């Protein structure tokens, strides 16, 4: 891992984007890495666009600034595709993980990507199937493990997630969130 591995999440209030970013950071921390996770949003209201950031490192992290040149862009809400700032700072090595029912080829075209690696996952469908509502963050975490196994393996993510979720959710919801992570990992498509 270079000095920092950085992720920028794009979502809307109420989708669990901030919780997803923080939970992923806690899981990576459980593997021995140093982590930083924090949100960036304007008015705190359901449906408002927001960003969240993760930073992982083998060394202590001494900066707390927004991620400007992400290694990974996590798009939790596909309606944000085409909005200002979504592609800021990306390089040809940036990995995209997008919550969408559309094919990777359609999503690549909609984003206007040149050669970046793209993973799509139907995280809303997974969430709706398991929770009867759309909170796609756990499925997105599973998709991240598929896209970046060198950062955290699926096995490590599942183990850490059980621990993390047990402190904030009822036991049956812990199991469903772990299942959502597994489904997110399994249902990823790439191009």
N, C-alpha and C. Protein backbone atom coordinates (compact mmCIF):
# COMPACT_ATOMS: atom_id res chain seq x y z
N UNK A 1 0.86 -1.17 0.00
CA UNK A 1 0.00 0.00 0.00
C UNK A 1 0.90 1.24 0.00
N UNK A 2 0.57 2.20 -0.87
CA UNK A 2 1.32 3.45 -0.85
C UNK A 2 1.00 4.17 0.45
N UNK A 3 1.48 5.38 0.61
CA UNK A 3 1.27 6.06 1.90
C UNK A 3 -0.19 6.07 2.32
N UNK A 4 -1.09 6.44 1.40
CA UNK A 4 -2.51 6.44 1.70
C UNK A 4 -3.28 5.74 0.58
N UNK A 5 -4.29 5.01 0.96
CA UNK A 5 -5.27 4.47 0.01
C UNK A 5 -6.54 5.24 0.31
N UNK A 6 -7.08 5.96 -0.69
CA UNK A 6 -8.17 6.90 -0.44
C UNK A 6 -9.43 6.57 -1.23
N UNK A 7 -10.56 6.72 -0.54
CA UNK A 7 -11.86 6.43 -1.13
C UNK A 7 -12.76 7.65 -0.96
N UNK A 8 -13.49 7.95 -2.02
CA UNK A 8 -14.49 9.01 -1.94
C UNK A 8 -15.85 8.39 -2.25
N UNK A 9 -16.77 8.53 -1.32
CA UNK A 9 -18.13 8.02 -1.46
C UNK A 9 -19.05 9.16 -1.89
N UNK A 10 -19.97 8.88 -2.80
CA UNK A 10 -21.00 9.84 -3.23
C UNK A 10 -22.36 9.20 -3.01
N UNK A 11 -23.21 9.87 -2.25
CA UNK A 11 -24.55 9.35 -1.98
C UNK A 11 -25.48 10.46 -1.60
N UNK A 12 -26.59 10.08 -1.03
CA UNK A 12 -27.59 11.04 -0.55
C UNK A 12 -27.92 10.71 0.90
N UNK A 13 -28.31 11.74 1.64
CA UNK A 13 -28.67 11.55 3.03
C UNK A 13 -29.76 10.50 3.18
N UNK A 14 -29.59 9.59 4.13
CA UNK A 14 -30.58 8.57 4.39
C UNK A 14 -30.30 7.23 3.74
N UNK A 15 -29.24 7.14 2.93
CA UNK A 15 -28.90 5.89 2.27
C UNK A 15 -27.88 5.07 3.04
N UNK A 16 -27.35 5.62 4.10
CA UNK A 16 -26.33 4.90 4.85
C UNK A 16 -24.92 5.07 4.30
N UNK A 17 -24.73 6.09 3.48
CA UNK A 17 -23.41 6.31 2.88
C UNK A 17 -22.36 6.59 3.94
N UNK A 18 -22.65 7.48 4.86
CA UNK A 18 -21.68 7.82 5.92
C UNK A 18 -21.43 6.60 6.81
N UNK A 19 -22.49 5.89 7.16
CA UNK A 19 -22.33 4.68 7.97
C UNK A 19 -21.51 3.64 7.22
N UNK A 20 -21.73 3.51 5.92
CA UNK A 20 -20.94 2.58 5.11
C UNK A 20 -19.47 2.93 5.11
N UNK A 21 -19.16 4.21 4.94
CA UNK A 21 -17.76 4.65 4.94
C UNK A 21 -17.11 4.39 6.30
N UNK A 22 -17.83 4.70 7.37
CA UNK A 22 -17.28 4.50 8.71
C UNK A 22 -17.15 3.01 9.04
N UNK A 23 -18.12 2.22 8.64
CA UNK A 23 -18.07 0.78 8.92
C UNK A 23 -16.95 0.11 8.13
N UNK A 24 -16.76 0.53 6.88
CA UNK A 24 -15.65 -0.03 6.09
C UNK A 24 -14.32 0.32 6.73
N UNK A 25 -14.19 1.56 7.20
CA UNK A 25 -12.95 1.98 7.85
C UNK A 25 -12.70 1.16 9.12
N UNK A 26 -13.74 0.93 9.91
CA UNK A 26 -13.58 0.12 11.12
C UNK A 26 -13.15 -1.30 10.77
N UNK A 27 -13.71 -1.86 9.70
CA UNK A 27 -13.35 -3.21 9.28
C UNK A 27 -11.89 -3.26 8.84
N UNK A 28 -11.45 -2.29 8.07
CA UNK A 28 -10.05 -2.25 7.63
C UNK A 28 -9.13 -2.05 8.83
N UNK A 29 -9.56 -1.22 9.79
CA UNK A 29 -8.77 -1.02 11.00
C UNK A 29 -8.59 -2.34 11.74
N UNK A 30 -9.58 -3.19 11.70
CA UNK A 30 -9.50 -4.49 12.35
C UNK A 30 -8.45 -5.40 11.74
N UNK A 31 -7.99 -5.08 10.54
CA UNK A 31 -6.93 -5.87 9.90
C UNK A 31 -5.54 -5.31 10.21
N UNK A 32 -5.50 -4.25 11.04
CA UNK A 32 -4.22 -3.71 11.46
C UNK A 32 -3.79 -2.42 10.77
N UNK A 33 -4.61 -1.88 9.91
CA UNK A 33 -4.28 -0.63 9.22
C UNK A 33 -4.72 0.57 10.06
N UNK A 34 -4.12 1.69 9.78
CA UNK A 34 -4.57 2.96 10.35
C UNK A 34 -5.65 3.49 9.40
N UNK A 35 -6.69 4.11 9.96
CA UNK A 35 -7.81 4.55 9.13
C UNK A 35 -8.29 5.93 9.55
N UNK A 36 -8.98 6.57 8.63
CA UNK A 36 -9.67 7.82 8.88
C UNK A 36 -10.94 7.78 8.04
N UNK A 37 -12.07 8.17 8.62
CA UNK A 37 -13.34 8.20 7.89
C UNK A 37 -14.15 9.39 8.39
N UNK A 38 -14.69 10.16 7.46
CA UNK A 38 -15.48 11.32 7.86
C UNK A 38 -16.36 11.78 6.70
N UNK A 39 -17.48 12.43 7.02
CA UNK A 39 -18.40 12.91 5.98
C UNK A 39 -18.13 14.35 5.60
N UNK A 40 -18.74 14.75 4.50
CA UNK A 40 -18.71 16.13 4.03
C UNK A 40 -20.07 16.41 3.40
N UNK A 41 -20.90 17.16 4.11
CA UNK A 41 -22.21 17.47 3.55
C UNK A 41 -22.64 18.85 3.98
N UNK A 42 -23.56 19.37 3.20
CA UNK A 42 -24.12 20.69 3.49
C UNK A 42 -25.28 20.53 4.45
N UNK A 43 -26.47 20.93 4.02
CA UNK A 43 -27.62 20.81 4.92
C UNK A 43 -27.90 19.33 5.21
N UNK A 44 -28.06 19.03 6.48
CA UNK A 44 -28.31 17.65 6.88
C UNK A 44 -29.78 17.33 6.71
N UNK A 45 -30.11 16.78 5.56
CA UNK A 45 -31.49 16.39 5.33
C UNK A 45 -31.52 15.17 4.42
N UNK A 46 -32.53 14.38 4.60
CA UNK A 46 -32.71 13.18 3.79
C UNK A 46 -32.78 13.57 2.31
N UNK A 47 -32.01 12.87 1.50
CA UNK A 47 -32.03 13.09 0.06
C UNK A 47 -31.02 14.10 -0.45
N UNK A 48 -30.38 14.84 0.45
CA UNK A 48 -29.39 15.82 0.00
C UNK A 48 -28.10 15.10 -0.40
N UNK A 49 -27.45 15.53 -1.49
CA UNK A 49 -26.18 14.91 -1.87
C UNK A 49 -25.13 15.10 -0.78
N UNK A 50 -24.30 14.08 -0.61
CA UNK A 50 -23.21 14.16 0.36
C UNK A 50 -22.04 13.35 -0.13
N UNK A 51 -20.91 13.61 0.48
CA UNK A 51 -19.70 12.82 0.23
C UNK A 51 -19.19 12.32 1.57
N UNK A 52 -18.52 11.21 1.52
CA UNK A 52 -17.82 10.69 2.70
C UNK A 52 -16.46 10.20 2.21
N UNK A 53 -15.51 10.16 3.13
CA UNK A 53 -14.15 9.82 2.75
C UNK A 53 -13.57 8.76 3.67
N UNK A 54 -12.76 7.89 3.08
CA UNK A 54 -11.97 6.92 3.84
C UNK A 54 -10.52 7.10 3.42
N UNK A 55 -9.66 6.95 4.39
CA UNK A 55 -8.22 6.98 4.12
C UNK A 55 -7.62 5.84 4.94
N UNK A 56 -6.84 4.95 4.30
CA UNK A 56 -6.21 3.82 4.94
C UNK A 56 -4.71 3.90 4.73
N UNK A 57 -3.95 3.43 5.73
CA UNK A 57 -2.50 3.49 5.63
C UNK A 57 -1.85 2.50 6.59
N UNK A 58 -0.60 2.14 6.28
CA UNK A 58 0.21 1.35 7.20
C UNK A 58 0.81 2.25 8.28
N UNK A 59 0.80 3.55 8.03
CA UNK A 59 1.36 4.54 8.95
C UNK A 59 0.23 5.35 9.58
N UNK A 60 0.55 6.08 10.65
CA UNK A 60 -0.45 6.96 11.24
C UNK A 60 -0.89 7.99 10.21
N UNK A 61 -2.17 8.31 10.24
CA UNK A 61 -2.73 9.29 9.32
C UNK A 61 -2.83 10.62 10.05
N UNK A 62 -2.13 11.62 9.52
CA UNK A 62 -2.07 12.90 10.20
C UNK A 62 -2.79 14.02 9.45
N UNK A 63 -3.53 13.65 8.41
CA UNK A 63 -4.30 14.66 7.68
C UNK A 63 -5.78 14.32 7.80
N UNK A 64 -6.59 15.34 7.74
CA UNK A 64 -8.04 15.18 7.84
C UNK A 64 -8.68 16.14 6.83
N UNK A 65 -8.35 15.90 5.58
CA UNK A 65 -8.84 16.74 4.50
C UNK A 65 -9.65 15.87 3.53
N UNK A 66 -10.54 16.48 2.77
CA UNK A 66 -11.28 15.70 1.78
C UNK A 66 -10.34 14.98 0.81
N UNK A 67 -10.79 13.85 0.31
CA UNK A 67 -10.03 13.08 -0.68
C UNK A 67 -10.17 13.77 -2.03
N UNK A 68 -9.05 14.25 -2.55
CA UNK A 68 -9.07 14.98 -3.82
C UNK A 68 -8.69 14.10 -5.01
N UNK A 69 -7.87 13.08 -4.78
CA UNK A 69 -7.43 12.18 -5.85
C UNK A 69 -7.69 10.74 -5.41
N UNK A 70 -8.95 10.30 -5.52
CA UNK A 70 -9.33 9.00 -4.97
C UNK A 70 -8.75 7.81 -5.72
N UNK A 71 -8.41 6.79 -4.95
CA UNK A 71 -8.06 5.50 -5.54
C UNK A 71 -9.33 4.77 -5.95
N UNK A 72 -10.40 5.01 -5.18
CA UNK A 72 -11.71 4.39 -5.44
C UNK A 72 -12.79 5.45 -5.28
N UNK A 73 -13.75 5.44 -6.21
CA UNK A 73 -14.95 6.26 -6.10
C UNK A 73 -16.12 5.30 -5.93
N UNK A 74 -16.82 5.45 -4.81
CA UNK A 74 -18.00 4.63 -4.51
C UNK A 74 -19.24 5.49 -4.78
N UNK A 75 -20.04 5.11 -5.75
CA UNK A 75 -21.25 5.86 -6.09
C UNK A 75 -22.44 5.08 -5.55
N UNK A 76 -22.95 5.54 -4.42
CA UNK A 76 -24.05 4.86 -3.74
C UNK A 76 -25.38 5.19 -4.39
N UNK A 77 -25.52 6.39 -4.93
CA UNK A 77 -26.75 6.79 -5.58
C UNK A 77 -26.47 7.08 -7.06
N UNK A 78 -26.94 6.20 -7.95
CA UNK A 78 -26.63 6.39 -9.38
C UNK A 78 -27.27 7.62 -9.99
N UNK A 79 -28.26 8.24 -9.31
CA UNK A 79 -28.83 9.47 -9.86
C UNK A 79 -27.82 10.62 -9.80
N UNK A 80 -26.73 10.42 -9.09
CA UNK A 80 -25.69 11.45 -9.02
C UNK A 80 -24.76 11.42 -10.24
N UNK A 81 -24.86 10.37 -11.05
CA UNK A 81 -24.02 10.29 -12.25
C UNK A 81 -24.34 11.48 -13.15
N UNK A 82 -23.31 12.18 -13.53
CA UNK A 82 -23.46 13.38 -14.35
C UNK A 82 -23.44 14.67 -13.56
N UNK A 83 -23.40 14.56 -12.23
CA UNK A 83 -23.37 15.77 -11.42
C UNK A 83 -21.94 16.28 -11.28
N UNK A 84 -21.85 17.57 -11.00
CA UNK A 84 -20.56 18.24 -10.85
C UNK A 84 -19.75 17.62 -9.70
N UNK A 85 -18.49 17.40 -9.94
CA UNK A 85 -17.58 16.95 -8.90
C UNK A 85 -17.41 15.46 -8.77
N UNK A 86 -18.26 14.69 -9.42
CA UNK A 86 -18.19 13.24 -9.28
C UNK A 86 -16.86 12.68 -9.80
N UNK A 87 -16.35 13.25 -10.87
CA UNK A 87 -15.12 12.75 -11.48
C UNK A 87 -13.89 13.60 -11.14
N UNK A 88 -14.03 14.58 -10.26
CA UNK A 88 -12.90 15.42 -9.89
C UNK A 88 -11.75 14.57 -9.33
N UNK A 89 -10.56 14.81 -9.84
CA UNK A 89 -9.37 14.20 -9.29
C UNK A 89 -9.14 12.74 -9.65
N UNK A 90 -9.99 12.16 -10.50
CA UNK A 90 -9.79 10.76 -10.85
C UNK A 90 -8.66 10.61 -11.85
N UNK A 91 -8.03 9.46 -11.82
CA UNK A 91 -6.96 9.16 -12.77
C UNK A 91 -7.35 7.91 -13.56
N UNK A 92 -6.48 7.49 -14.45
CA UNK A 92 -6.78 6.28 -15.21
C UNK A 92 -6.72 5.03 -14.33
N UNK A 93 -6.17 5.16 -13.12
CA UNK A 93 -6.09 4.02 -12.19
C UNK A 93 -7.20 4.01 -11.15
N UNK A 94 -8.03 5.04 -11.15
CA UNK A 94 -9.14 5.10 -10.19
C UNK A 94 -10.13 3.98 -10.48
N UNK A 95 -10.55 3.31 -9.43
CA UNK A 95 -11.55 2.24 -9.53
C UNK A 95 -12.90 2.82 -9.17
N UNK A 96 -13.93 2.45 -9.92
CA UNK A 96 -15.29 2.89 -9.65
C UNK A 96 -16.14 1.71 -9.20
N UNK A 97 -16.89 1.90 -8.13
CA UNK A 97 -17.87 0.91 -7.65
C UNK A 97 -19.20 1.64 -7.63
N UNK A 98 -20.15 1.18 -8.45
CA UNK A 98 -21.40 1.91 -8.65
C UNK A 98 -22.61 1.03 -8.31
N UNK A 99 -23.50 1.56 -7.51
CA UNK A 99 -24.76 0.92 -7.20
C UNK A 99 -25.71 1.20 -8.36
N UNK A 100 -25.97 0.18 -9.16
CA UNK A 100 -26.85 0.36 -10.31
C UNK A 100 -27.35 -0.98 -10.82
N UNK A 101 -28.50 -0.94 -11.44
CA UNK A 101 -29.07 -2.11 -12.11
C UNK A 101 -28.58 -2.17 -13.56
N UNK A 102 -28.00 -1.09 -14.04
CA UNK A 102 -27.54 -1.03 -15.43
C UNK A 102 -26.28 -1.86 -15.61
N UNK A 103 -26.02 -2.22 -16.84
CA UNK A 103 -24.84 -3.02 -17.14
C UNK A 103 -23.58 -2.18 -16.95
N UNK A 104 -22.45 -2.85 -16.74
CA UNK A 104 -21.20 -2.11 -16.64
C UNK A 104 -20.93 -1.26 -17.88
N UNK A 105 -21.26 -1.78 -19.07
CA UNK A 105 -21.01 -1.01 -20.30
C UNK A 105 -21.85 0.26 -20.33
N UNK A 106 -23.14 0.16 -19.96
CA UNK A 106 -24.01 1.35 -19.92
C UNK A 106 -23.51 2.36 -18.88
N UNK A 107 -23.09 1.84 -17.74
CA UNK A 107 -22.63 2.71 -16.65
C UNK A 107 -21.33 3.41 -17.03
N UNK A 108 -20.42 2.67 -17.68
CA UNK A 108 -19.16 3.27 -18.15
C UNK A 108 -19.45 4.43 -19.08
N UNK A 109 -20.39 4.22 -20.00
CA UNK A 109 -20.74 5.27 -20.97
C UNK A 109 -21.35 6.46 -20.26
N UNK A 110 -22.28 6.20 -19.33
CA UNK A 110 -22.94 7.30 -18.61
C UNK A 110 -21.95 8.13 -17.81
N UNK A 111 -20.94 7.47 -17.23
CA UNK A 111 -19.91 8.18 -16.46
C UNK A 111 -18.88 8.86 -17.35
N UNK A 112 -18.77 8.41 -18.60
CA UNK A 112 -17.76 8.97 -19.50
C UNK A 112 -16.36 8.50 -19.16
N UNK A 113 -16.24 7.26 -18.69
CA UNK A 113 -14.93 6.74 -18.30
C UNK A 113 -14.14 6.31 -19.53
N UNK A 114 -12.82 6.47 -19.44
CA UNK A 114 -11.95 6.11 -20.54
C UNK A 114 -11.44 4.67 -20.40
N UNK A 115 -10.72 4.39 -19.33
CA UNK A 115 -10.15 3.06 -19.19
C UNK A 115 -10.16 2.57 -17.76
N UNK A 116 -10.76 3.32 -16.88
CA UNK A 116 -10.79 2.96 -15.47
C UNK A 116 -11.55 1.65 -15.26
N UNK A 117 -11.17 0.94 -14.22
CA UNK A 117 -11.87 -0.28 -13.86
C UNK A 117 -13.19 0.11 -13.20
N UNK A 118 -14.26 -0.56 -13.61
CA UNK A 118 -15.60 -0.26 -13.13
C UNK A 118 -16.26 -1.54 -12.63
N UNK A 119 -16.84 -1.45 -11.44
CA UNK A 119 -17.63 -2.54 -10.88
C UNK A 119 -19.03 -2.01 -10.64
N UNK A 120 -20.03 -2.78 -11.03
CA UNK A 120 -21.41 -2.41 -10.74
C UNK A 120 -22.01 -3.48 -9.81
N UNK A 121 -22.91 -3.04 -8.97
CA UNK A 121 -23.58 -3.94 -8.04
C UNK A 121 -25.01 -3.45 -7.84
N UNK A 122 -26.00 -4.34 -7.88
CA UNK A 122 -27.39 -3.91 -7.65
C UNK A 122 -27.68 -3.80 -6.15
N UNK A 123 -27.00 -2.88 -5.50
CA UNK A 123 -27.06 -2.77 -4.04
C UNK A 123 -28.46 -2.39 -3.55
N UNK A 124 -29.19 -1.57 -4.30
CA UNK A 124 -30.55 -1.24 -3.88
C UNK A 124 -31.44 -2.47 -3.92
N UNK A 125 -31.30 -3.28 -4.96
CA UNK A 125 -32.10 -4.51 -5.05
C UNK A 125 -31.77 -5.48 -3.93
N UNK A 126 -30.49 -5.61 -3.64
CA UNK A 126 -30.06 -6.49 -2.55
C UNK A 126 -30.67 -6.01 -1.24
N UNK A 127 -30.57 -4.71 -0.99
CA UNK A 127 -31.10 -4.13 0.23
C UNK A 127 -32.61 -4.31 0.33
N UNK A 128 -33.28 -4.07 -0.78
CA UNK A 128 -34.74 -4.20 -0.78
C UNK A 128 -35.14 -5.65 -0.52
N UNK A 129 -34.43 -6.58 -1.11
CA UNK A 129 -34.69 -8.00 -0.93
C UNK A 129 -34.52 -8.42 0.53
N UNK A 130 -33.48 -7.89 1.18
CA UNK A 130 -33.16 -8.30 2.55
C UNK A 130 -33.86 -7.47 3.63
N UNK A 131 -34.02 -6.16 3.39
CA UNK A 131 -34.52 -5.26 4.42
C UNK A 131 -35.88 -4.63 4.09
N UNK A 132 -36.36 -4.85 2.87
CA UNK A 132 -37.62 -4.25 2.41
C UNK A 132 -37.52 -2.74 2.29
N UNK A 133 -36.32 -2.22 2.21
CA UNK A 133 -36.07 -0.80 1.95
C UNK A 133 -34.66 -0.65 1.40
N UNK A 134 -34.39 0.51 0.84
CA UNK A 134 -33.11 0.71 0.17
C UNK A 134 -32.11 1.40 1.08
N UNK A 135 -31.26 0.60 1.69
CA UNK A 135 -30.10 1.07 2.45
C UNK A 135 -28.92 0.26 1.92
N UNK A 136 -28.29 0.73 0.85
CA UNK A 136 -27.34 -0.08 0.10
C UNK A 136 -25.92 -0.17 0.66
N UNK A 137 -25.65 0.42 1.83
CA UNK A 137 -24.26 0.52 2.28
C UNK A 137 -23.57 -0.82 2.50
N UNK A 138 -24.24 -1.81 3.09
CA UNK A 138 -23.57 -3.09 3.34
C UNK A 138 -23.24 -3.80 2.03
N UNK A 139 -24.16 -3.78 1.08
CA UNK A 139 -23.88 -4.40 -0.22
C UNK A 139 -22.72 -3.68 -0.92
N UNK A 140 -22.63 -2.37 -0.75
CA UNK A 140 -21.52 -1.62 -1.33
C UNK A 140 -20.20 -2.02 -0.70
N UNK A 141 -20.21 -2.30 0.60
CA UNK A 141 -18.99 -2.76 1.27
C UNK A 141 -18.54 -4.10 0.67
N UNK A 142 -19.48 -4.99 0.41
CA UNK A 142 -19.13 -6.26 -0.22
C UNK A 142 -18.55 -6.07 -1.60
N UNK A 143 -19.13 -5.14 -2.37
CA UNK A 143 -18.61 -4.84 -3.70
C UNK A 143 -17.19 -4.28 -3.61
N UNK A 144 -16.94 -3.46 -2.57
CA UNK A 144 -15.59 -2.93 -2.38
C UNK A 144 -14.59 -4.07 -2.15
N UNK A 145 -14.97 -5.05 -1.35
CA UNK A 145 -14.07 -6.19 -1.09
C UNK A 145 -13.76 -6.94 -2.38
N UNK A 146 -14.73 -7.01 -3.29
CA UNK A 146 -14.50 -7.66 -4.58
C UNK A 146 -13.55 -6.82 -5.43
N UNK A 147 -13.74 -5.51 -5.40
CA UNK A 147 -12.93 -4.60 -6.22
C UNK A 147 -11.51 -4.43 -5.68
N UNK A 148 -11.35 -4.50 -4.36
CA UNK A 148 -10.05 -4.19 -3.73
C UNK A 148 -9.67 -5.25 -2.70
N UNK A 149 -9.50 -6.51 -3.13
CA UNK A 149 -9.18 -7.57 -2.17
C UNK A 149 -7.83 -7.40 -1.49
N UNK A 150 -6.95 -6.58 -2.07
CA UNK A 150 -5.66 -6.33 -1.44
C UNK A 150 -5.80 -5.37 -0.25
N UNK A 151 -6.92 -4.65 -0.16
CA UNK A 151 -7.18 -3.76 0.97
C UNK A 151 -7.86 -4.55 2.08
N UNK A 152 -8.90 -5.31 1.74
CA UNK A 152 -9.57 -6.18 2.70
C UNK A 152 -10.21 -7.34 1.95
N UNK A 153 -9.96 -8.54 2.44
CA UNK A 153 -10.55 -9.72 1.82
C UNK A 153 -12.01 -9.84 2.27
N UNK A 154 -12.78 -10.61 1.52
CA UNK A 154 -14.17 -10.83 1.91
C UNK A 154 -14.23 -11.48 3.29
N UNK A 155 -13.37 -12.45 3.54
CA UNK A 155 -13.38 -13.15 4.82
C UNK A 155 -13.13 -12.19 5.98
N UNK A 156 -12.13 -11.33 5.82
CA UNK A 156 -11.82 -10.36 6.88
C UNK A 156 -12.97 -9.37 7.04
N UNK A 157 -13.56 -8.92 5.93
CA UNK A 157 -14.67 -7.97 6.00
C UNK A 157 -15.86 -8.59 6.73
N UNK A 158 -16.20 -9.82 6.41
CA UNK A 158 -17.33 -10.48 7.06
C UNK A 158 -17.08 -10.64 8.56
N UNK A 159 -15.88 -11.05 8.91
CA UNK A 159 -15.54 -11.23 10.33
C UNK A 159 -15.60 -9.91 11.09
N UNK A 160 -14.99 -8.87 10.53
CA UNK A 160 -14.98 -7.57 11.19
C UNK A 160 -16.38 -6.95 11.23
N UNK A 161 -17.16 -7.14 10.16
CA UNK A 161 -18.50 -6.56 10.10
C UNK A 161 -19.39 -7.15 11.20
N UNK A 162 -19.28 -8.43 11.46
CA UNK A 162 -20.08 -9.04 12.53
C UNK A 162 -19.80 -8.33 13.85
N UNK A 163 -18.53 -8.08 14.10
CA UNK A 163 -18.14 -7.41 15.34
C UNK A 163 -18.66 -5.96 15.36
N UNK A 164 -18.45 -5.24 14.29
CA UNK A 164 -18.85 -3.83 14.20
C UNK A 164 -20.37 -3.69 14.34
N UNK A 165 -21.11 -4.47 13.56
CA UNK A 165 -22.56 -4.36 13.55
C UNK A 165 -23.17 -4.81 14.86
N UNK A 166 -22.52 -5.73 15.57
CA UNK A 166 -23.08 -6.23 16.83
C UNK A 166 -23.17 -5.13 17.89
N UNK A 167 -22.39 -4.06 17.71
CA UNK A 167 -22.42 -2.94 18.66
C UNK A 167 -23.49 -1.91 18.34
N UNK A 168 -24.10 -2.02 17.14
CA UNK A 168 -25.08 -1.01 16.79
C UNK A 168 -26.41 -1.56 16.29
N UNK A 169 -26.50 -2.87 16.08
CA UNK A 169 -27.72 -3.44 15.52
C UNK A 169 -28.21 -4.63 16.33
N UNK A 170 -29.48 -4.93 16.20
CA UNK A 170 -30.05 -6.13 16.80
C UNK A 170 -29.45 -7.36 16.10
N UNK A 171 -29.36 -8.50 16.79
CA UNK A 171 -28.73 -9.70 16.21
C UNK A 171 -29.27 -10.10 14.84
N UNK A 172 -30.59 -10.04 14.62
CA UNK A 172 -31.11 -10.43 13.31
C UNK A 172 -30.67 -9.45 12.22
N UNK A 173 -30.47 -8.19 12.57
CA UNK A 173 -29.99 -7.21 11.58
C UNK A 173 -28.50 -7.36 11.31
N UNK A 174 -27.75 -7.82 12.29
CA UNK A 174 -26.33 -8.12 12.06
C UNK A 174 -26.24 -9.19 10.97
N UNK A 175 -27.01 -10.26 11.13
CA UNK A 175 -26.98 -11.35 10.15
C UNK A 175 -27.41 -10.89 8.77
N UNK A 176 -28.43 -10.05 8.71
CA UNK A 176 -28.90 -9.56 7.40
C UNK A 176 -27.86 -8.64 6.75
N UNK A 177 -27.18 -7.83 7.53
CA UNK A 177 -26.14 -6.96 6.97
C UNK A 177 -24.95 -7.77 6.49
N UNK A 178 -24.60 -8.81 7.22
CA UNK A 178 -23.52 -9.69 6.78
C UNK A 178 -23.92 -10.39 5.48
N UNK A 179 -25.18 -10.79 5.39
CA UNK A 179 -25.68 -11.39 4.16
C UNK A 179 -25.64 -10.38 3.01
N UNK A 180 -25.96 -9.12 3.30
CA UNK A 180 -25.92 -8.08 2.27
C UNK A 180 -24.49 -7.88 1.76
N UNK A 181 -23.51 -7.94 2.66
CA UNK A 181 -22.10 -7.84 2.25
C UNK A 181 -21.77 -8.99 1.31
N UNK A 182 -22.15 -10.20 1.69
CA UNK A 182 -21.87 -11.37 0.85
C UNK A 182 -22.55 -11.24 -0.52
N UNK A 183 -23.81 -10.82 -0.53
CA UNK A 183 -24.53 -10.64 -1.80
C UNK A 183 -23.87 -9.56 -2.65
N UNK A 184 -23.46 -8.45 -2.03
CA UNK A 184 -22.79 -7.40 -2.77
C UNK A 184 -21.52 -7.92 -3.43
N UNK A 185 -20.78 -8.73 -2.70
CA UNK A 185 -19.56 -9.34 -3.25
C UNK A 185 -19.90 -10.28 -4.41
N UNK A 186 -20.92 -11.11 -4.21
CA UNK A 186 -21.26 -12.13 -5.21
C UNK A 186 -21.91 -11.56 -6.46
N UNK A 187 -22.64 -10.47 -6.33
CA UNK A 187 -23.43 -9.97 -7.47
C UNK A 187 -22.76 -8.85 -8.26
N UNK A 188 -21.50 -8.61 -7.99
CA UNK A 188 -20.75 -7.60 -8.73
C UNK A 188 -20.54 -8.03 -10.18
N UNK A 189 -20.63 -7.05 -11.07
CA UNK A 189 -20.24 -7.24 -12.47
C UNK A 189 -19.16 -6.22 -12.77
N UNK A 190 -18.29 -6.53 -13.71
CA UNK A 190 -17.22 -5.60 -14.05
C UNK A 190 -17.00 -5.55 -15.54
N UNK A 191 -16.34 -4.48 -15.96
CA UNK A 191 -15.96 -4.32 -17.36
C UNK A 191 -14.60 -3.64 -17.38
